[in-house]
Amino acid sequence: MKIKYLPWLAAFLTASFIMTSCLDNDETEATYSFNSSITAFSLGTLHIDRTGIDSNGEDSAYVDTINCAKYPFSINQTTRVIENKDSLPVGTHIDKVVTDLDADSEIIFYTKNGVDTLWTSTDSIDFTMNDPETGVQEHAVMFGVYTYSGTRGKTYKVKVNVHLQEPDTITWKNFGGLDFATPMTGMKAVYAGGRVFVFGTEGTETVIRYTEVSSGNPQAWQDIALAGITSVQATSATVWQDEVYFLADGGKLCRIKSDLTVESGLGNETFTQLIAGADDEAEPVLYACTAAGSGALSAGYAWTLMEPGVNFAADKNVFSANAEVSYNSNLHRTIVMVDDRAASDTAATVYSRLSNGGWTEYSTSNAPLPGLENISMVSYDEKLYAFGGRSTAPGTTLTQPFGYFFSSADNGLTWQQVEEEMAFPQEAAEEGANGITESFGDRYTDNGGEYAAAVSIPQEELNAEGALNPSFIWIVWGDGTVSRGHINRLGFKPKEW
């Protein structure tokens, strides 16, 4: 029904109420509400684009349905805006939407593109807002209410938000303008306190640099002052209790404090390697090695030798992750991957340790982590991910550096090659939205295989758009440029059903 009839309809209803009131009781006066608020708004079942696998094993697109009743809409009575803070899944069709409303009056209308229409619960309404050319939000649907007194209430702008990104797909962005004056080699990166630290060598000098990433964007590189320290073991960089520890000057234990000053000569031992910081125990420990074997440092840097004769190579990068044991909250597991493969090795070296046990090598796994040049391992989205250069094992097909992610959902015991969604850019892309201008394989090659990776801890505060500053994978290339990746769904507050 065109809206031009609504004033007449409102007047008719008002008159009807007056007549009814007079017939019931000559002494009763009817009071007519001037309220024109919408008090509830929801959607019904909508169509959504899906991708499945057909009988030939190929990707096949199809259209499914999704019940949107559980996506709540907030109503701001001050700004008169109605919208869903939790966006609908990517691919949801909002061009034919059936709505359900509660309001102060039964006379509800909606306006789009200058056309006013009387609303009914069976109307199929087009809520698409974005101009296909500019992306600017225009042509919003406006809803309003006529009061029982016959006046037209102020309208509400209704926004139906839909995710524009696949939730489980990783998005990458490259940051230039952060170049080192001299390319860095022998790199290792760690994250602590809102900063990514990178250890490495420039020429003959070992350096430690950091970039602030708490905002989600890396800032200019800054040097850590190493007064009195002449030689840093870059492979030893490890995070323990949100501080960075490393070895220097023949195995002395050092740490970078939260104020970015360096404290050296901690404890009474000389170490050959730092393995992993385990913060989940009742008493946090830092696993390390001396010439006598492996053990752990506890509070006050007290050293306990646990496994005499068991050592990790001092000149190889060690990557670690911690996970609580599902069957016993008093135990935790530490997983370690060591980049000590030989050129002919088909598998990388992965170890596991329970907090009440010793190191066990996963050498007999039926799905091992492939041995890659300059391999890295990170803990991200409750899984382990590994990546790196090409494999040089005989008969391998993994000849492209940064060709794939490899993931483990069972704490490093078995690994799978990730075929979809979690991927590195493999082709040159135009400068623009993601800022990537070449494949990561090319970046790896251009930097002589020099890079380092770390994962940042997400910030809990929401920004103005309701999005999180999520956990990011940071890749620092040998020239100082930085690439940042994150799974799209981790950038939004989880939905509570």
Protein backbone atom coordinates (compact mmCIF):
# COMPACT_ATOMS: atom_id res chain seq x y z
CA MET A 1 0.00 0.00 0.00
CA LYS A 2 1.40 3.41 -0.91
CA ILE A 3 2.10 5.63 2.05
CA LYS A 4 -0.16 8.42 0.78
CA TYR A 5 -3.10 6.49 2.28
CA LEU A 6 -1.57 6.18 5.72
CA PRO A 7 -2.64 9.57 7.14
CA TRP A 8 -6.19 8.72 6.13
CA LEU A 9 -5.81 5.25 7.69
CA ALA A 10 -4.44 6.73 10.92
CA ALA A 11 -7.31 9.22 11.08
CA PHE A 12 -9.81 6.42 10.45
CA LEU A 13 -8.39 4.34 13.28
CA THR A 14 -8.46 7.32 15.61
CA ALA A 15 -12.10 7.97 14.80
CA SER A 16 -12.91 4.33 15.33
CA PHE A 17 -11.40 4.42 18.80
CA ILE A 18 -13.39 7.56 19.64
CA MET A 19 -16.66 5.94 18.52
CA THR A 20 -15.89 2.77 20.45
CA SER A 21 -15.12 4.77 23.53
CA CYS A 22 -18.35 6.75 23.26
CA LEU A 23 -20.48 3.63 22.82
CA ASP A 24 -18.92 1.94 25.84
CA ASN A 25 -19.14 4.81 28.27
CA ASP A 26 -20.34 8.37 27.63
CA GLU A 27 -18.17 9.67 30.48
CA THR A 28 -14.85 8.06 29.36
CA GLU A 29 -12.36 9.98 27.23
CA ALA A 30 -9.92 8.02 25.10
CA THR A 31 -6.20 8.88 25.42
CA TYR A 32 -4.23 8.42 22.25
CA SER A 33 -0.50 7.64 22.41
CA PHE A 34 1.98 9.93 20.70
CA ASN A 35 4.69 7.24 20.93
CA SER A 36 6.22 6.14 17.64
CA SER A 37 9.06 3.84 18.67
CA ILE A 38 10.15 0.55 17.16
CA THR A 39 10.92 -1.71 20.11
CA ALA A 40 12.05 -4.96 18.44
CA PHE A 41 13.46 -5.96 15.06
CA SER A 42 14.53 -9.33 13.68
CA LEU A 43 15.03 -11.26 10.44
CA GLY A 44 13.74 -14.59 9.25
CA THR A 45 15.32 -17.25 7.04
CA LEU A 46 17.59 -15.95 4.28
CA HIS A 47 19.51 -17.46 1.38
CA ILE A 48 23.29 -17.78 1.51
CA ASP A 49 25.96 -18.73 -1.03
CA ARG A 50 27.90 -21.87 -0.16
CA THR A 51 30.70 -23.87 -1.75
CA GLY A 52 30.78 -27.65 -1.59
CA ILE A 53 32.44 -30.59 -3.30
CA ASP A 54 30.66 -32.21 -6.24
CA SER A 55 30.73 -35.88 -7.24
CA ASN A 56 33.96 -35.28 -9.19
CA GLY A 57 35.73 -33.81 -6.15
CA GLU A 58 35.63 -30.29 -7.57
CA ASP A 59 34.45 -27.12 -5.85
CA SER A 60 30.78 -26.49 -6.57
CA ALA A 61 28.76 -23.39 -5.70
CA TYR A 62 25.20 -23.69 -4.42
CA VAL A 63 22.62 -21.65 -2.51
CA ASP A 64 21.57 -22.71 0.99
CA THR A 65 19.38 -21.15 3.68
CA ILE A 66 20.30 -19.71 7.07
CA ASN A 67 18.06 -18.88 10.04
CA CYS A 68 18.92 -15.28 11.00
CA ALA A 69 16.56 -15.04 13.97
CA LYS A 70 19.50 -15.53 16.37
CA TYR A 71 21.40 -12.53 15.05
CA PRO A 72 20.16 -9.79 17.41
CA PHE A 73 19.51 -6.25 16.23
CA SER A 74 20.22 -3.32 18.51
CA ILE A 75 17.92 -0.29 18.45
CA ASN A 76 19.44 3.07 19.34
CA GLN A 77 16.44 5.23 20.24
CA THR A 78 18.63 8.36 20.33
CA THR A 79 20.27 8.10 16.91
CA ARG A 80 17.36 6.11 15.44
CA VAL A 81 19.64 3.43 14.01
CA ILE A 82 18.76 -0.27 13.94
CA GLU A 83 21.56 -2.71 13.06
CA ASN A 84 23.10 -6.08 13.83
CA LYS A 85 26.46 -5.66 15.53
CA ASP A 86 27.28 -9.30 14.78
CA SER A 87 27.38 -9.33 10.99
CA LEU A 88 25.63 -12.04 9.01
CA PRO A 89 27.93 -14.64 7.39
CA VAL A 90 29.62 -13.75 4.13
CA GLY A 91 27.48 -14.56 1.13
CA THR A 92 24.11 -13.95 2.85
CA HIS A 93 21.51 -12.55 0.45
CA ILE A 94 19.84 -9.40 1.82
CA ASP A 95 17.98 -8.33 -1.31
CA LYS A 96 14.80 -10.25 -0.35
CA VAL A 97 14.36 -10.10 3.40
CA VAL A 98 11.29 -10.81 5.54
CA THR A 99 11.31 -8.88 8.81
CA ASP A 100 9.52 -9.03 12.16
CA LEU A 101 8.89 -5.81 14.12
CA ASP A 102 7.31 -4.65 17.36
CA ALA A 103 6.29 -1.00 17.65
CA ASP A 104 4.06 1.42 19.58
CA SER A 105 1.53 1.32 16.75
CA GLU A 106 0.42 -1.20 14.17
CA ILE A 107 0.83 1.39 11.39
CA ILE A 108 4.44 0.83 10.29
CA PHE A 109 5.96 2.02 7.03
CA TYR A 110 9.34 1.77 5.32
CA THR A 111 11.05 4.01 2.79
CA LYS A 112 13.73 3.17 0.24
CA ASN A 113 14.88 5.18 -2.76
CA GLY A 114 12.21 7.78 -1.97
CA VAL A 115 9.31 5.31 -2.11
CA ASP A 116 7.10 4.88 1.00
CA THR A 117 5.31 1.58 1.58
CA LEU A 118 3.05 0.23 4.32
CA TRP A 119 4.93 -2.60 6.04
CA THR A 120 3.50 -6.07 6.50
CA SER A 121 5.18 -9.13 7.98
CA THR A 122 5.21 -10.84 4.59
CA ASP A 123 6.99 -8.08 2.66
CA SER A 124 10.24 -9.03 0.93
CA ILE A 125 12.51 -6.00 1.33
CA ASP A 126 15.81 -5.18 -0.36
CA PHE A 127 18.35 -4.12 2.31
CA THR A 128 21.37 -3.80 0.04
CA MET A 129 22.98 -0.44 0.75
CA ASN A 130 26.39 -0.34 -0.89
CA ASP A 131 26.74 1.43 -4.20
CA PRO A 132 28.32 -1.22 -6.47
CA GLU A 133 30.71 1.33 -7.98
CA THR A 134 31.85 3.36 -4.97
CA GLY A 135 31.04 1.07 -2.05
CA VAL A 136 29.49 4.05 -0.26
CA GLN A 137 26.57 3.15 1.98
CA GLU A 138 23.55 4.74 0.38
CA HIS A 139 19.91 3.96 -0.23
CA ALA A 140 19.32 2.74 3.32
CA VAL A 141 15.91 1.40 4.26
CA MET A 142 14.12 3.74 6.66
CA PHE A 143 11.37 2.46 8.96
CA GLY A 144 8.84 4.60 10.77
CA VAL A 145 5.65 4.44 12.80
CA TYR A 146 2.41 6.43 12.64
CA THR A 147 1.06 7.11 16.12
CA TYR A 148 -2.53 6.37 17.03
CA SER A 149 -3.01 10.13 17.23
CA GLY A 150 -2.28 10.33 13.50
CA THR A 151 1.20 11.89 13.55
CA ARG A 152 4.18 10.53 11.64
CA GLY A 153 7.08 9.52 13.88
CA LYS A 154 10.75 10.04 13.19
CA THR A 155 12.22 7.32 11.00
CA TYR A 156 14.85 4.71 11.85
CA LYS A 157 17.76 3.85 9.57
CA VAL A 158 18.00 0.05 9.30
CA LYS A 159 21.40 -1.45 8.45
CA VAL A 160 21.74 -5.17 7.82
CA ASN A 161 25.47 -5.87 8.15
CA VAL A 162 27.06 -8.77 6.28
CA HIS A 163 30.67 -9.93 6.58
CA LEU A 164 32.62 -9.16 3.41
CA GLN A 165 35.41 -11.64 4.16
CA GLU A 166 35.47 -15.42 4.41
CA PRO A 167 35.73 -16.05 8.17
CA ASP A 168 38.31 -18.86 8.03
CA THR A 169 40.50 -17.29 5.35
CA ILE A 170 43.77 -15.61 6.26
CA THR A 171 44.27 -12.03 5.03
CA TRP A 172 47.74 -10.59 4.50
CA LYS A 173 49.01 -7.04 4.46
CA ASN A 174 52.53 -5.90 3.67
CA PHE A 175 54.19 -2.91 5.35
CA GLY A 176 56.99 -1.08 3.56
CA GLY A 177 59.06 1.87 4.73
CA LEU A 178 60.55 -0.19 7.58
CA ASP A 179 63.71 -1.27 5.77
CA PHE A 180 66.88 -2.03 7.69
CA ALA A 181 69.93 0.02 6.69
CA THR A 182 71.76 -3.28 6.21
CA PRO A 183 69.95 -6.60 5.55
CA MET A 184 69.83 -8.93 8.55
CA THR A 185 70.87 -12.59 8.56
CA GLY A 186 70.52 -15.46 11.04
CA MET A 187 67.19 -14.09 12.23
CA LYS A 188 64.81 -15.10 15.01
CA ALA A 189 61.70 -13.18 16.12
CA VAL A 190 59.65 -13.29 19.34
CA TYR A 191 56.68 -11.33 20.66
CA ALA A 192 56.28 -9.83 24.14
CA GLY A 193 54.50 -6.86 25.66
CA GLY A 194 52.99 -5.49 22.45
CA ARG A 195 56.30 -5.62 20.56
CA VAL A 196 57.91 -7.88 17.99
CA PHE A 197 61.63 -8.33 18.69
CA VAL A 198 63.99 -9.56 15.99
CA PHE A 199 67.48 -10.92 16.69
CA GLY A 200 70.09 -11.28 13.94
CA THR A 201 73.39 -10.24 12.45
CA GLU A 202 74.21 -7.22 10.32
CA GLY A 203 77.61 -7.76 8.79
CA THR A 204 79.67 -8.89 11.78
CA GLU A 205 77.52 -7.23 14.44
CA THR A 206 74.70 -8.98 16.31
CA VAL A 207 71.73 -6.68 16.87
CA ILE A 208 68.34 -6.74 18.57
CA ARG A 209 65.54 -4.56 17.24
CA TYR A 210 61.87 -4.17 18.05
CA THR A 211 58.76 -2.68 16.52
CA GLU A 212 55.63 -1.63 18.40
CA VAL A 213 52.64 -3.61 17.09
CA SER A 214 50.04 -3.09 19.84
CA SER A 215 47.98 -0.92 17.47
CA GLY A 216 47.92 -3.67 14.86
CA ASN A 217 50.37 -1.78 12.64
CA PRO A 218 54.16 -1.99 13.00
CA GLN A 219 56.04 1.16 13.86
CA ALA A 220 59.59 2.17 12.89
CA TRP A 221 62.29 -0.24 14.06
CA GLN A 222 64.16 0.70 17.24
CA ASP A 223 67.46 -0.72 18.51
CA ILE A 224 67.89 -2.33 21.92
CA ALA A 225 70.96 -0.88 23.66
CA LEU A 226 73.47 -3.64 24.44
CA ALA A 227 75.92 -1.76 26.64
CA GLY A 228 78.58 -4.12 27.95
CA ILE A 229 77.38 -7.05 25.80
CA THR A 230 79.66 -8.00 22.93
CA SER A 231 78.13 -11.16 21.45
CA VAL A 232 74.44 -12.18 21.36
CA GLN A 233 73.29 -15.73 20.53
CA ALA A 234 70.30 -14.92 18.28
CA THR A 235 69.01 -18.52 18.24
CA SER A 236 68.45 -18.38 22.01
CA ALA A 237 65.73 -15.68 21.98
CA THR A 238 62.83 -17.01 24.08
CA VAL A 239 59.84 -15.48 25.87
CA TRP A 240 59.19 -16.34 29.51
CA GLN A 241 56.55 -14.61 31.63
CA ASP A 242 56.10 -11.94 28.93
CA GLU A 243 59.76 -10.95 28.95
CA VAL A 244 62.42 -11.75 26.36
CA TYR A 245 65.39 -13.86 27.47
CA PHE A 246 68.54 -14.61 25.49
CA LEU A 247 72.14 -15.77 25.87
CA ALA A 248 75.19 -13.57 25.35
CA ASP A 249 78.95 -13.47 25.86
CA GLY A 250 79.54 -17.20 26.12
CA GLY A 251 76.23 -18.33 27.59
CA LYS A 252 75.31 -15.71 30.16
CA LEU A 253 71.55 -15.44 30.76
CA CYS A 254 70.11 -12.02 29.85
CA ARG A 255 66.66 -10.51 29.68
CA ILE A 256 64.99 -7.50 28.09
CA LYS A 257 62.87 -5.92 30.81
CA SER A 258 59.51 -4.25 30.15
CA ASP A 259 61.23 -0.83 30.11
CA LEU A 260 63.47 -2.16 27.26
CA THR A 261 66.65 -2.10 29.30
CA VAL A 262 68.83 -5.22 29.30
CA GLU A 263 69.86 -7.11 32.42
CA SER A 264 72.72 -9.63 32.00
CA GLY A 265 74.46 -12.30 34.06
CA LEU A 266 71.28 -13.72 35.63
CA GLY A 267 71.76 -16.83 37.79
CA ASN A 268 74.94 -18.79 38.30
CA GLU A 269 74.91 -21.09 35.27
CA THR A 270 76.41 -20.87 31.81
CA PHE A 271 73.96 -22.08 29.17
CA THR A 272 74.28 -23.44 25.66
CA GLN A 273 70.65 -22.93 24.56
CA LEU A 274 67.26 -21.68 25.78
CA ILE A 275 64.42 -23.99 24.72
CA ALA A 276 61.02 -22.74 25.89
CA GLY A 277 59.28 -20.66 28.49
CA ALA A 278 56.53 -22.67 30.21
CA ASP A 279 54.17 -20.28 31.97
CA ASP A 280 51.25 -22.64 32.61
CA GLU A 281 52.64 -24.48 35.61
CA ALA A 282 51.99 -23.50 39.21
CA GLU A 283 55.67 -22.55 39.22
CA PRO A 284 56.65 -21.25 35.75
CA VAL A 285 59.92 -22.61 34.38
CA LEU A 286 62.29 -21.76 31.56
CA TYR A 287 63.60 -24.90 29.87
CA ALA A 288 67.25 -24.59 28.89
CA CYS A 289 70.46 -26.52 28.27
CA THR A 290 73.91 -26.45 29.81
CA ALA A 291 76.92 -28.46 28.72
CA ALA A 292 75.75 -31.14 31.17
CA GLY A 293 72.27 -31.55 29.68
CA SER A 294 68.75 -30.12 29.73
CA GLY A 295 66.81 -28.81 32.68
CA ALA A 296 64.79 -25.85 33.90
CA LEU A 297 65.17 -22.49 35.55
CA SER A 298 62.57 -21.54 38.16
CA ALA A 299 61.92 -18.45 40.27
CA GLY A 300 65.10 -16.65 41.23
CA TYR A 301 66.90 -18.39 38.33
CA ALA A 302 67.44 -21.56 40.35
CA TRP A 303 68.74 -24.27 37.98
CA THR A 304 67.68 -27.92 38.03
CA LEU A 305 69.39 -30.42 35.73
CA MET A 306 66.70 -32.88 34.63
CA GLU A 307 68.11 -34.90 31.76
CA PRO A 308 71.90 -35.26 31.75
CA GLY A 309 73.37 -35.63 28.29
CA VAL A 310 70.22 -34.37 26.48
CA ASN A 311 71.03 -31.21 24.54
CA PHE A 312 69.63 -28.97 21.80
CA ALA A 313 71.97 -27.47 19.22
CA ALA A 314 73.15 -24.00 20.22
CA ASP A 315 73.40 -22.69 16.65
CA LYS A 316 69.89 -23.76 15.51
CA ASN A 317 66.60 -21.91 15.95
CA VAL A 318 64.19 -23.47 18.45
CA PHE A 319 60.45 -22.78 18.27
CA SER A 320 58.06 -23.67 21.08
CA ALA A 321 54.41 -23.70 22.12
CA ASN A 322 52.54 -24.61 25.30
CA ALA A 323 49.18 -26.30 25.74
CA GLU A 324 47.22 -27.43 28.79
CA VAL A 325 46.64 -31.18 28.90
CA SER A 326 42.92 -31.80 28.37
CA TYR A 327 42.66 -34.67 30.82
CA ASN A 328 44.57 -33.04 33.69
CA SER A 329 44.56 -29.31 34.38
CA ASN A 330 47.64 -29.71 36.59
CA LEU A 331 49.76 -30.77 33.62
CA HIS A 332 50.82 -28.89 30.54
CA ARG A 333 52.63 -29.91 27.38
CA THR A 334 55.49 -28.06 25.71
CA ILE A 335 56.03 -28.68 22.00
CA VAL A 336 59.37 -27.79 20.43
CA MET A 337 60.50 -27.76 16.80
CA VAL A 338 64.23 -27.46 16.08
CA ASP A 339 65.53 -26.26 12.71
CA ASP A 340 68.37 -28.78 12.62
CA ARG A 341 67.44 -30.82 9.53
CA ALA A 342 70.00 -32.07 7.06
CA ALA A 343 69.46 -31.34 3.37
CA SER A 344 68.32 -34.93 2.74
CA ASP A 345 65.90 -35.13 5.69
CA THR A 346 62.26 -35.61 4.76
CA ALA A 347 60.94 -34.60 8.21
CA ALA A 348 61.57 -31.78 10.65
CA THR A 349 62.54 -32.45 14.27
CA VAL A 350 59.65 -32.08 16.72
CA TYR A 351 59.75 -32.80 20.46
CA SER A 352 57.08 -32.96 23.14
CA ARG A 353 57.37 -32.77 26.92
CA LEU A 354 54.83 -33.15 29.71
CA SER A 355 55.55 -31.02 32.76
CA ASN A 356 56.10 -34.19 34.82
CA GLY A 357 58.19 -35.99 32.19
CA GLY A 358 61.05 -35.63 29.73
CA TRP A 359 61.60 -34.75 26.07
CA THR A 360 60.16 -37.18 23.52
CA GLU A 361 60.97 -36.91 19.83
CA TYR A 362 58.10 -37.48 17.40
CA SER A 363 60.31 -39.45 15.03
CA THR A 364 57.86 -42.25 14.30
CA SER A 365 54.82 -40.13 13.40
CA ASN A 366 52.86 -41.45 10.42
CA ALA A 367 52.35 -37.86 9.22
CA PRO A 368 55.48 -35.92 10.15
CA LEU A 369 56.22 -32.27 9.55
CA PRO A 370 58.15 -32.02 6.25
CA GLY A 371 61.73 -30.84 6.48
CA LEU A 372 61.92 -27.35 4.96
CA GLU A 373 64.72 -24.84 4.64
CA ASN A 374 64.67 -22.20 7.41
CA ILE A 375 61.49 -23.66 8.85
CA SER A 376 59.43 -21.79 11.48
CA MET A 377 56.66 -22.96 13.81
CA VAL A 378 54.02 -20.77 15.49
CA SER A 379 51.03 -21.39 17.74
CA TYR A 380 47.96 -19.70 16.27
CA ASP A 381 44.18 -20.18 16.54
CA GLU A 382 44.65 -23.16 18.89
CA LYS A 383 46.75 -25.04 16.34
CA LEU A 384 50.38 -25.33 15.41
CA TYR A 385 51.42 -23.98 12.01
CA ALA A 386 54.77 -24.43 10.28
CA PHE A 387 56.17 -22.97 7.06
CA GLY A 388 59.44 -22.04 5.42
CA GLY A 389 61.55 -22.50 2.31
CA ARG A 390 61.60 -25.44 -0.03
CA SER A 391 62.38 -29.02 0.81
CA THR A 392 65.60 -30.50 -0.56
CA ALA A 393 64.76 -34.11 0.31
CA PRO A 394 65.02 -36.56 -2.60
CA GLY A 395 61.80 -36.91 -4.59
CA THR A 396 60.00 -34.06 -2.82
CA THR A 397 57.28 -32.01 -4.51
CA LEU A 398 57.70 -29.12 -2.02
CA THR A 399 60.01 -27.11 -4.23
CA GLN A 400 58.29 -23.73 -3.84
CA PRO A 401 59.34 -21.67 -0.79
CA PHE A 402 56.38 -20.47 1.26
CA GLY A 403 54.19 -22.76 -0.83
CA TYR A 404 51.99 -24.03 2.00
CA PHE A 405 51.14 -23.89 5.65
CA PHE A 406 51.42 -27.20 7.50
CA SER A 407 49.17 -27.54 10.54
CA SER A 408 48.88 -29.83 13.55
CA ALA A 409 45.79 -30.13 15.75
CA ASP A 410 47.30 -32.81 18.03
CA ASN A 411 50.22 -30.91 19.58
CA GLY A 412 52.73 -31.65 16.87
CA LEU A 413 52.27 -35.43 16.58
CA THR A 414 50.83 -35.37 13.06
CA TRP A 415 50.85 -32.67 10.40
CA GLN A 416 48.70 -31.89 7.37
CA GLN A 417 49.36 -29.69 4.39
CA VAL A 418 46.76 -26.90 4.37
CA GLU A 419 45.21 -26.77 0.91
CA GLU A 420 42.66 -23.96 1.30
CA GLU A 421 41.92 -20.79 3.27
CA MET A 422 45.20 -20.68 5.25
CA ALA A 423 47.56 -19.75 2.43
CA PHE A 424 50.37 -17.43 1.44
CA PRO A 425 50.08 -15.08 -1.55
CA GLN A 426 51.35 -17.09 -4.51
CA GLU A 427 50.93 -14.55 -7.29
CA ALA A 428 51.78 -10.91 -7.76
CA ALA A 429 48.95 -8.66 -6.67
CA GLU A 430 48.19 -5.07 -7.57
CA GLU A 431 49.19 -2.46 -5.03
CA GLY A 432 46.01 -1.68 -3.16
CA ALA A 433 43.79 -3.23 -0.53
CA ASN A 434 46.23 -5.80 0.82
CA GLY A 435 49.41 -3.97 -0.11
CA ILE A 436 51.16 -7.12 -1.34
CA THR A 437 53.16 -6.70 -4.52
CA GLU A 438 54.77 -10.14 -4.92
CA SER A 439 54.41 -13.71 -3.70
CA PHE A 440 55.93 -14.71 -0.38
CA GLY A 441 58.05 -17.22 -2.26
CA ASP A 442 59.56 -14.33 -4.21
CA ARG A 443 60.07 -12.33 -1.01
CA TYR A 444 61.85 -15.30 0.53
CA THR A 445 64.13 -15.66 -2.50
CA ASP A 446 64.78 -11.91 -2.82
CA ASN A 447 65.90 -11.86 0.83
CA GLY A 448 68.23 -14.82 0.43
CA GLY A 449 65.97 -17.02 2.56
CA GLU A 450 66.24 -14.65 5.52
CA TYR A 451 63.05 -14.07 7.54
CA ALA A 452 61.66 -14.57 11.06
CA ALA A 453 58.12 -15.11 12.36
CA ALA A 454 56.21 -14.44 15.58
CA VAL A 455 52.60 -14.33 16.76
CA SER A 456 51.11 -11.46 18.78
CA ILE A 457 48.61 -11.92 21.58
CA PRO A 458 45.19 -10.38 20.82
CA GLN A 459 44.00 -7.24 22.54
CA GLU A 460 40.67 -7.71 24.34
CA GLU A 461 39.31 -4.19 23.86
CA LEU A 462 36.91 -3.67 20.96
CA ASN A 463 37.38 -0.79 18.58
CA ALA A 464 34.60 1.57 17.48
CA GLU A 465 33.42 -0.91 14.82
CA GLY A 466 33.08 -3.72 17.34
CA ALA A 467 36.18 -5.50 15.99
CA LEU A 468 39.06 -6.88 18.00
CA ASN A 469 42.71 -6.08 17.53
CA PRO A 470 43.27 -9.75 16.75
CA SER A 471 46.15 -12.15 17.07
CA PHE A 472 48.46 -11.65 14.10
CA ILE A 473 51.16 -13.70 12.43
CA TRP A 474 54.10 -11.34 11.83
CA ILE A 475 56.78 -12.15 9.25
CA VAL A 476 59.87 -9.96 9.31
CA TRP A 477 61.91 -10.23 6.11
CA GLY A 478 65.67 -9.82 5.95
CA ASP A 479 65.38 -6.30 4.54
CA GLY A 480 63.22 -5.14 7.47
CA THR A 481 59.84 -5.05 5.71
CA VAL A 482 56.99 -6.71 7.58
CA SER A 483 54.03 -8.85 6.50
CA ARG A 484 51.01 -9.28 8.77
CA GLY A 485 48.41 -12.03 8.51
CA HIS A 486 45.30 -12.97 10.46
CA ILE A 487 42.29 -15.24 10.13
CA ASN A 488 39.33 -12.97 9.41
CA ARG A 489 36.99 -14.36 12.04
CA LEU A 490 39.53 -13.65 14.79
CA GLY A 491 39.04 -9.94 14.16
CA PHE A 492 35.49 -9.99 15.49
CA LYS A 493 33.97 -10.63 18.86
CA PRO A 494 32.75 -14.24 19.02
CA LYS A 495 29.01 -14.68 18.69
CA GLU A 496 27.17 -15.71 21.85
CA TRP A 497 24.14 -17.87 21.09
